[in-house]
Amino acid sequence: MAYGNDVTVYVEDIAGDQGGGMPGPWWMSPDVDIPAHSGTAFQGPNDVQIRVHAHEEPFLDEKIVAEVYVCRPSLAMSPTVDSVRIDPGNLLFRPPGVAGTEPIASFAGGTLTFAWTPGSAATAPDGPGHRCLILRAFPQSVTPPNSPFTVPAEQHEAQRNIEILATTKMQADMSRGGAGTPEDPRRRESGTGLWWEALETVGAGPRGRRFVVWAFDPNPEEHIPRGILRDLKKAKIRTISKEPPAQATIEIVGARGHEIDPGKLVGQRRFARRSGVGDGIFAERLLLGAATLELGPRKPAEVVLRFDHSNLDERTALVLHAAQFDERGEAEGGMTIVAIAPTDP
């Protein structure tokens, strides 16, 4: 096993899953976040909060190490490829029954908060702007793996991949397109006239074919943490769009790959059954696009999602989900983008 033989320590992908995984967007873990501005790092100190749990049995008689990694907006991530560990290196929890002053990792979970100051380069994995967080926790005697994270299948790992994307009707090329924060809203790409989000990714297993799909979510109250919905209300967002964007495309950069008809994936029964594509948040009627690409664990590629949401009314937001799967339909990474209706310059 990647984390020794431990089955006691866990972090949750979805609140209440006890490390076992549950259907739904598992990439919005409640156990790792920057609570003041979820998933977004600003210049200066940012408080990162983590939570770690432990089953009562088998009994664990040693303390628990926690690590936190950060990356640019991403699907699948790796501890050794284009990511940075940002925790102070001394985060410890203890199971019930083990003496100490550390927070107790129990069914409810113990929490720790540490301050992280990002670098000044927005292009760096640990720079300011929208960022993806990975938490992993394991017994002190265990040496963690250096292979890519396998969050949906691994009870010791959790991921926080969500961004609220502020947009403007101004145009610019991607290099000057804006971070997507309220202070620096995302501009329309001058070449295509579309808004965009570029997601990094790696293969969680051996090199081979992967699939990326994305869809719009007309009922996000069922899937998005309440805190995010609360932040949208504070931003004076009145409604969530029940209609998809007027246009959507997907492009692969840095790897062999191309856009495909998402209906072909729905038609592959084994893949659809394992991945859930065709149902839930990736129901066929909600799918916007799909792509196939060749990925391995060492070299990252980029998935560029482009869309035109100028059909949205003012003070409306569009919720988009993206996910990556291997050929068998096993999930490897995911991301949620909340794109706010573009405003005039």
Protein backbone atom coordinates (compact mmCIF):
# COMPACT_ATOMS: atom_id res chain seq x y z
CA MET A 1 0.00 0.00 0.00
CA ALA A 2 1.18 3.55 -0.75
CA TYR A 3 0.98 4.58 2.92
CA GLY A 4 2.26 1.37 4.46
CA ASN A 5 -0.46 -0.84 5.88
CA ASP A 6 -2.28 2.00 7.61
CA VAL A 7 -6.08 2.01 7.43
CA THR A 8 -6.66 4.19 10.51
CA VAL A 9 -5.72 7.72 9.39
CA TYR A 10 -7.94 9.46 6.84
CA VAL A 11 -9.01 12.80 5.40
CA GLU A 12 -12.37 13.36 3.76
CA ASP A 13 -13.08 14.15 0.11
CA ILE A 14 -16.71 14.95 0.95
CA ALA A 15 -17.90 15.73 4.47
CA GLY A 16 -18.89 12.53 6.25
CA ASP A 17 -17.34 10.01 3.85
CA GLN A 18 -14.91 8.76 6.57
CA GLY A 19 -12.18 8.35 3.98
CA GLY A 20 -14.21 5.96 1.89
CA GLY A 21 -15.17 8.30 -0.93
CA MET A 22 -18.68 9.24 -2.01
CA PRO A 23 -20.34 10.11 -5.33
CA GLY A 24 -20.07 13.75 -6.25
CA PRO A 25 -17.33 16.37 -6.70
CA TRP A 26 -14.71 14.85 -4.40
CA TRP A 27 -12.19 17.63 -5.23
CA MET A 28 -13.79 20.14 -2.82
CA SER A 29 -12.63 18.60 0.45
CA PRO A 30 -13.77 20.32 3.66
CA ASP A 31 -10.47 19.25 5.31
CA VAL A 32 -8.12 21.70 3.55
CA ASP A 33 -8.82 25.32 2.63
CA ILE A 34 -7.93 28.98 2.93
CA PRO A 35 -11.20 29.82 4.73
CA ALA A 36 -11.00 33.61 4.35
CA HIS A 37 -11.05 33.33 0.54
CA SER A 38 -11.46 29.70 -0.43
CA GLY A 39 -8.74 28.39 -2.73
CA THR A 40 -7.32 31.85 -3.51
CA ALA A 41 -3.95 33.03 -2.21
CA PHE A 42 -3.35 36.75 -1.75
CA GLN A 43 -0.08 38.60 -1.16
CA GLY A 44 0.84 38.48 2.51
CA PRO A 45 0.03 35.81 5.11
CA ASN A 46 -2.80 33.40 4.27
CA ASP A 47 -4.26 31.16 6.97
CA VAL A 48 -4.50 27.57 5.71
CA GLN A 49 -6.73 25.30 7.79
CA ILE A 50 -6.54 21.50 7.77
CA ARG A 51 -8.45 18.71 9.50
CA VAL A 52 -7.29 15.11 10.05
CA HIS A 53 -9.35 12.12 11.19
CA ALA A 54 -8.65 8.63 12.56
CA HIS A 55 -10.79 5.53 12.98
CA GLU A 56 -10.90 4.05 16.49
CA GLU A 57 -9.79 0.69 15.12
CA PRO A 58 -7.23 -0.56 14.31
CA PHE A 59 -5.69 1.33 17.24
CA LEU A 60 -2.78 3.57 16.24
CA ASP A 61 -0.09 4.13 18.90
CA GLU A 62 1.92 6.86 17.14
CA LYS A 63 1.37 10.44 16.05
CA ILE A 64 0.22 11.56 12.61
CA VAL A 65 2.07 13.79 10.14
CA ALA A 66 0.21 16.21 7.84
CA GLU A 67 1.58 17.81 4.67
CA VAL A 68 0.06 20.45 2.39
CA TYR A 69 1.00 21.06 -1.26
CA VAL A 70 -0.08 23.85 -3.60
CA CYS A 71 -0.25 24.11 -7.39
CA ARG A 72 -1.69 26.37 -10.07
CA PRO A 73 -5.29 25.49 -11.09
CA SER A 74 -5.02 21.75 -11.78
CA LEU A 75 -6.79 18.46 -12.28
CA ALA A 76 -4.39 15.69 -11.17
CA MET A 77 -1.30 16.71 -9.15
CA SER A 78 2.01 15.26 -7.98
CA PRO A 79 4.24 16.07 -4.97
CA THR A 80 7.29 16.19 -7.26
CA VAL A 81 5.97 17.84 -10.46
CA ASP A 82 5.23 21.58 -10.57
CA SER A 83 3.90 21.79 -7.02
CA VAL A 84 5.32 23.18 -3.77
CA ARG A 85 4.96 21.93 -0.22
CA ILE A 86 3.84 24.93 1.88
CA ASP A 87 3.29 23.57 5.41
CA PRO A 88 5.91 24.48 8.07
CA GLY A 89 7.09 20.86 8.35
CA ASN A 90 5.91 20.29 11.92
CA LEU A 91 2.18 19.62 11.61
CA LEU A 92 1.26 16.77 13.95
CA PHE A 93 -1.98 15.23 15.18
CA ARG A 94 -2.48 12.39 17.66
CA PRO A 95 -5.01 9.59 17.84
CA PRO A 96 -7.19 9.28 20.95
CA GLY A 97 -5.19 7.47 23.62
CA VAL A 98 -1.81 8.81 22.54
CA ALA A 99 -0.42 11.39 24.99
CA GLY A 100 0.49 14.86 23.81
CA THR A 101 -0.73 18.40 23.20
CA GLU A 102 -1.46 18.01 19.49
CA PRO A 103 -5.03 18.16 18.15
CA ILE A 104 -6.83 14.82 18.33
CA ALA A 105 -7.51 13.05 15.04
CA SER A 106 -10.84 11.37 15.71
CA PHE A 107 -14.10 10.74 13.89
CA ALA A 108 -14.90 14.47 14.11
CA GLY A 109 -11.30 15.36 13.27
CA GLY A 110 -8.85 17.77 14.82
CA THR A 111 -7.86 21.03 13.12
CA LEU A 112 -4.66 23.03 12.72
CA THR A 113 -4.06 26.39 11.05
CA PHE A 114 -0.77 27.69 9.70
CA ALA A 115 0.24 30.89 7.93
CA TRP A 116 1.50 30.72 4.35
CA THR A 117 2.84 33.67 2.38
CA PRO A 118 2.89 33.00 -1.38
CA GLY A 119 5.72 34.15 -3.60
CA SER A 120 5.35 37.20 -5.81
CA ALA A 121 5.29 35.38 -9.20
CA ALA A 122 1.77 34.57 -10.32
CA THR A 123 3.16 31.91 -12.67
CA ALA A 124 4.83 29.96 -9.84
CA PRO A 125 3.00 27.01 -8.26
CA ASP A 126 3.11 28.81 -4.89
CA GLY A 127 2.33 32.27 -6.24
CA PRO A 128 -0.75 34.42 -5.61
CA GLY A 129 -4.11 33.84 -7.30
CA HIS A 130 -6.35 30.82 -7.63
CA ARG A 131 -4.54 27.78 -6.26
CA CYS A 132 -5.25 24.08 -5.71
CA LEU A 133 -4.43 22.52 -2.36
CA ILE A 134 -3.56 18.90 -1.52
CA LEU A 135 -3.56 17.58 2.06
CA ARG A 136 -2.10 14.22 2.99
CA ALA A 137 -1.83 12.65 6.45
CA PHE A 138 -0.13 9.45 7.60
CA PRO A 139 1.50 7.82 10.68
CA GLN A 140 4.96 9.12 11.61
CA SER A 141 6.62 5.78 10.88
CA VAL A 142 5.37 5.79 7.26
CA THR A 143 7.37 7.16 4.34
CA PRO A 144 4.87 8.77 1.94
CA PRO A 145 5.09 8.04 -1.81
CA ASN A 146 6.62 10.40 -4.37
CA SER A 147 4.22 9.27 -7.10
CA PRO A 148 1.29 11.48 -8.21
CA PHE A 149 -1.57 11.89 -5.78
CA THR A 150 -4.50 9.48 -6.25
CA VAL A 151 -6.99 11.47 -4.20
CA PRO A 152 -10.31 9.77 -5.10
CA ALA A 153 -8.89 6.31 -4.31
CA GLU A 154 -6.65 7.22 -1.35
CA GLN A 155 -8.02 7.84 2.16
CA HIS A 156 -4.81 9.64 3.19
CA GLU A 157 -5.22 12.41 0.56
CA ALA A 158 -7.72 15.22 -0.02
CA GLN A 159 -7.94 18.02 -2.57
CA ARG A 160 -9.41 21.54 -2.65
CA ASN A 161 -9.91 22.57 -6.28
CA ILE A 162 -12.45 25.35 -6.74
CA GLU A 163 -12.24 28.92 -7.98
CA ILE A 164 -14.59 31.87 -8.29
CA LEU A 165 -13.62 33.46 -11.61
CA ALA A 166 -14.33 37.18 -11.96
CA THR A 167 -14.55 38.18 -15.64
CA THR A 168 -14.66 41.31 -17.76
CA LYS A 169 -15.61 42.02 -21.38
CA MET A 170 -12.17 43.47 -22.08
CA GLN A 171 -9.90 41.49 -24.42
CA ALA A 172 -6.27 40.40 -24.08
CA ASP A 173 -4.06 37.49 -25.01
CA MET A 174 -3.73 34.66 -22.48
CA SER A 175 -0.43 35.95 -21.10
CA ARG A 176 -2.18 39.17 -20.04
CA GLY A 177 -5.59 37.65 -19.49
CA GLY A 178 -5.96 38.43 -15.81
CA ALA A 179 -5.90 36.19 -12.73
CA GLY A 180 -9.67 35.99 -12.48
CA THR A 181 -9.77 37.66 -9.07
CA PRO A 182 -11.98 40.71 -8.39
CA GLU A 183 -8.89 42.95 -8.46
CA ASP A 184 -7.67 41.40 -11.75
CA PRO A 185 -10.66 39.89 -13.62
CA ARG A 186 -10.19 37.42 -16.46
CA ARG A 187 -10.38 39.02 -19.89
CA ARG A 188 -11.65 37.47 -23.11
CA GLU A 189 -8.90 35.88 -25.15
CA SER A 190 -8.26 38.22 -28.07
CA GLY A 191 -7.68 35.42 -30.59
CA THR A 192 -10.92 33.50 -29.96
CA GLY A 193 -13.18 36.01 -28.22
CA LEU A 194 -13.74 33.41 -25.47
CA TRP A 195 -13.02 33.35 -21.78
CA TRP A 196 -10.80 30.52 -20.56
CA GLU A 197 -9.28 28.55 -17.73
CA ALA A 198 -6.02 26.61 -18.13
CA LEU A 199 -5.68 23.54 -15.88
CA GLU A 200 -2.41 21.69 -15.36
CA THR A 201 -2.47 17.92 -15.01
CA VAL A 202 -0.36 14.76 -14.86
CA GLY A 203 -1.21 11.08 -15.13
CA ALA A 204 -1.78 9.51 -11.72
CA GLY A 205 -0.55 6.13 -12.99
CA PRO A 206 1.67 4.84 -15.81
CA ARG A 207 1.77 6.69 -19.10
CA GLY A 208 -1.32 6.08 -21.18
CA ARG A 209 -4.56 7.53 -22.48
CA ARG A 210 -6.69 9.77 -20.29
CA PHE A 211 -10.01 11.49 -20.78
CA VAL A 212 -11.12 14.91 -19.56
CA VAL A 213 -14.80 15.87 -19.51
CA TRP A 214 -16.55 19.02 -18.39
CA ALA A 215 -20.14 20.02 -17.75
CA PHE A 216 -22.23 22.90 -16.44
CA ASP A 217 -24.15 22.54 -13.19
CA PRO A 218 -27.61 24.14 -13.03
CA ASN A 219 -28.16 22.99 -9.41
CA PRO A 220 -24.89 23.63 -7.57
CA GLU A 221 -26.53 23.95 -4.17
CA GLU A 222 -26.33 20.14 -4.06
CA HIS A 223 -22.60 20.04 -4.77
CA ILE A 224 -20.80 23.22 -3.71
CA PRO A 225 -19.87 23.89 -0.06
CA ARG A 226 -22.17 26.35 1.67
CA GLY A 227 -19.29 28.71 2.33
CA ILE A 228 -18.77 29.19 -1.41
CA LEU A 229 -22.44 29.95 -1.96
CA ARG A 230 -22.26 32.40 0.93
CA ASP A 231 -19.28 34.13 -0.69
CA LEU A 232 -21.26 34.45 -3.93
CA LYS A 233 -24.10 36.15 -2.09
CA LYS A 234 -21.61 38.58 -0.55
CA ALA A 235 -20.42 39.33 -4.07
CA LYS A 236 -24.06 40.22 -4.88
CA ILE A 237 -24.56 37.26 -7.22
CA ARG A 238 -28.31 36.90 -7.44
CA THR A 239 -28.75 33.67 -9.38
CA ILE A 240 -26.96 30.57 -10.71
CA SER A 241 -27.43 30.03 -14.43
CA LYS A 242 -29.81 27.25 -15.42
CA GLU A 243 -28.53 27.49 -18.98
CA PRO A 244 -25.13 26.40 -20.33
CA PRO A 245 -22.61 28.85 -21.80
CA ALA A 246 -23.28 29.96 -25.36
CA GLN A 247 -20.11 28.23 -26.55
CA ALA A 248 -17.55 25.81 -25.09
CA THR A 249 -14.35 24.21 -26.40
CA ILE A 250 -11.45 22.20 -24.96
CA GLU A 251 -7.80 22.19 -26.07
CA ILE A 252 -4.81 20.07 -25.02
CA VAL A 253 -1.40 21.77 -24.75
CA GLY A 254 1.92 20.03 -24.08
CA ALA A 255 0.70 16.50 -24.76
CA ARG A 256 -0.73 14.47 -27.61
CA GLY A 257 -4.47 14.92 -27.47
CA HIS A 258 -7.57 16.36 -29.08
CA GLU A 259 -11.20 17.22 -28.47
CA ILE A 260 -13.74 14.39 -28.83
CA ASP A 261 -17.50 13.97 -28.71
CA PRO A 262 -18.42 13.36 -25.03
CA GLY A 263 -21.27 11.15 -26.24
CA LYS A 264 -18.67 8.55 -27.24
CA LEU A 265 -17.64 8.21 -23.61
CA VAL A 266 -21.23 7.88 -22.47
CA GLY A 267 -21.63 5.08 -25.01
CA GLN A 268 -18.72 3.09 -23.54
CA ARG A 269 -20.62 1.17 -20.89
CA ARG A 270 -17.68 0.02 -18.80
CA PHE A 271 -16.09 3.47 -18.79
CA ALA A 272 -19.39 5.22 -18.09
CA ARG A 273 -20.23 2.85 -15.24
CA ARG A 274 -16.89 3.36 -13.47
CA SER A 275 -16.52 7.09 -14.12
CA GLY A 276 -20.13 8.16 -13.69
CA VAL A 277 -19.98 10.08 -16.99
CA GLY A 278 -23.54 10.16 -18.25
CA ASP A 279 -25.03 10.58 -14.77
CA GLY A 280 -25.03 13.05 -11.86
CA ILE A 281 -23.01 16.23 -12.41
CA PHE A 282 -21.75 14.72 -15.69
CA ALA A 283 -25.17 13.74 -17.02
CA GLU A 284 -25.24 13.60 -20.81
CA ARG A 285 -27.51 16.65 -21.11
CA LEU A 286 -25.03 18.70 -19.02
CA LEU A 287 -21.82 17.78 -20.85
CA LEU A 288 -20.04 20.64 -22.61
CA GLY A 289 -17.08 18.77 -24.06
CA ALA A 290 -14.42 16.11 -23.73
CA ALA A 291 -10.87 15.39 -24.83
CA THR A 292 -8.46 12.49 -24.97
CA LEU A 293 -4.75 12.90 -24.20
CA GLU A 294 -1.60 10.91 -23.52
CA LEU A 295 -0.31 11.52 -20.00
CA GLY A 296 2.39 10.18 -17.71
CA PRO A 297 3.38 10.90 -14.10
CA ARG A 298 6.44 13.10 -14.75
CA LYS A 299 5.63 15.73 -17.38
CA PRO A 300 2.63 18.03 -16.87
CA ALA A 301 0.25 18.97 -19.67
CA GLU A 302 -2.35 21.71 -19.88
CA VAL A 303 -6.07 21.46 -20.51
CA VAL A 304 -7.54 24.77 -21.72
CA LEU A 305 -11.29 25.14 -21.25
CA ARG A 306 -12.73 28.01 -23.29
CA PHE A 307 -16.28 29.30 -23.00
CA ASP A 308 -18.56 32.19 -23.88
CA HIS A 309 -20.82 33.08 -20.96
CA SER A 310 -21.86 36.48 -22.29
CA ASN A 311 -25.39 35.03 -22.45
CA LEU A 312 -25.59 35.34 -18.64
CA ASP A 313 -27.55 38.14 -17.04
CA GLU A 314 -25.70 40.59 -14.82
CA ARG A 315 -25.09 39.31 -11.27
CA THR A 316 -25.38 35.70 -12.45
CA ALA A 317 -22.79 32.94 -12.11
CA LEU A 318 -22.13 29.83 -14.20
CA VAL A 319 -20.92 26.70 -12.41
CA LEU A 320 -18.66 24.32 -14.36
CA HIS A 321 -17.14 20.99 -13.31
CA ALA A 322 -14.20 19.23 -14.99
CA ALA A 323 -12.72 15.82 -14.25
CA GLN A 324 -9.97 13.53 -15.52
CA PHE A 325 -10.22 9.73 -15.83
CA ASP A 326 -7.96 6.93 -16.97
CA GLU A 327 -9.00 4.46 -19.67
CA ARG A 328 -10.84 2.28 -17.15
CA GLY A 329 -12.91 5.20 -15.91
CA GLU A 330 -11.03 5.63 -12.63
CA ALA A 331 -11.04 9.26 -11.49
CA GLU A 332 -7.68 11.06 -11.21
CA GLY A 333 -8.45 14.77 -10.82
CA GLY A 334 -11.21 17.35 -10.79
CA MET A 335 -11.95 21.07 -10.67
CA THR A 336 -14.94 23.38 -10.19
CA ILE A 337 -15.04 26.82 -11.80
CA VAL A 338 -17.64 29.40 -10.81
CA ALA A 339 -17.57 31.97 -13.61
CA ILE A 340 -19.29 35.26 -12.81
CA ALA A 341 -21.10 37.05 -15.65
CA PRO A 342 -18.69 39.43 -17.43
CA THR A 343 -18.87 43.11 -16.62
CA ASP A 344 -18.07 46.14 -18.75
CA PRO A 345 -14.53 47.54 -18.40
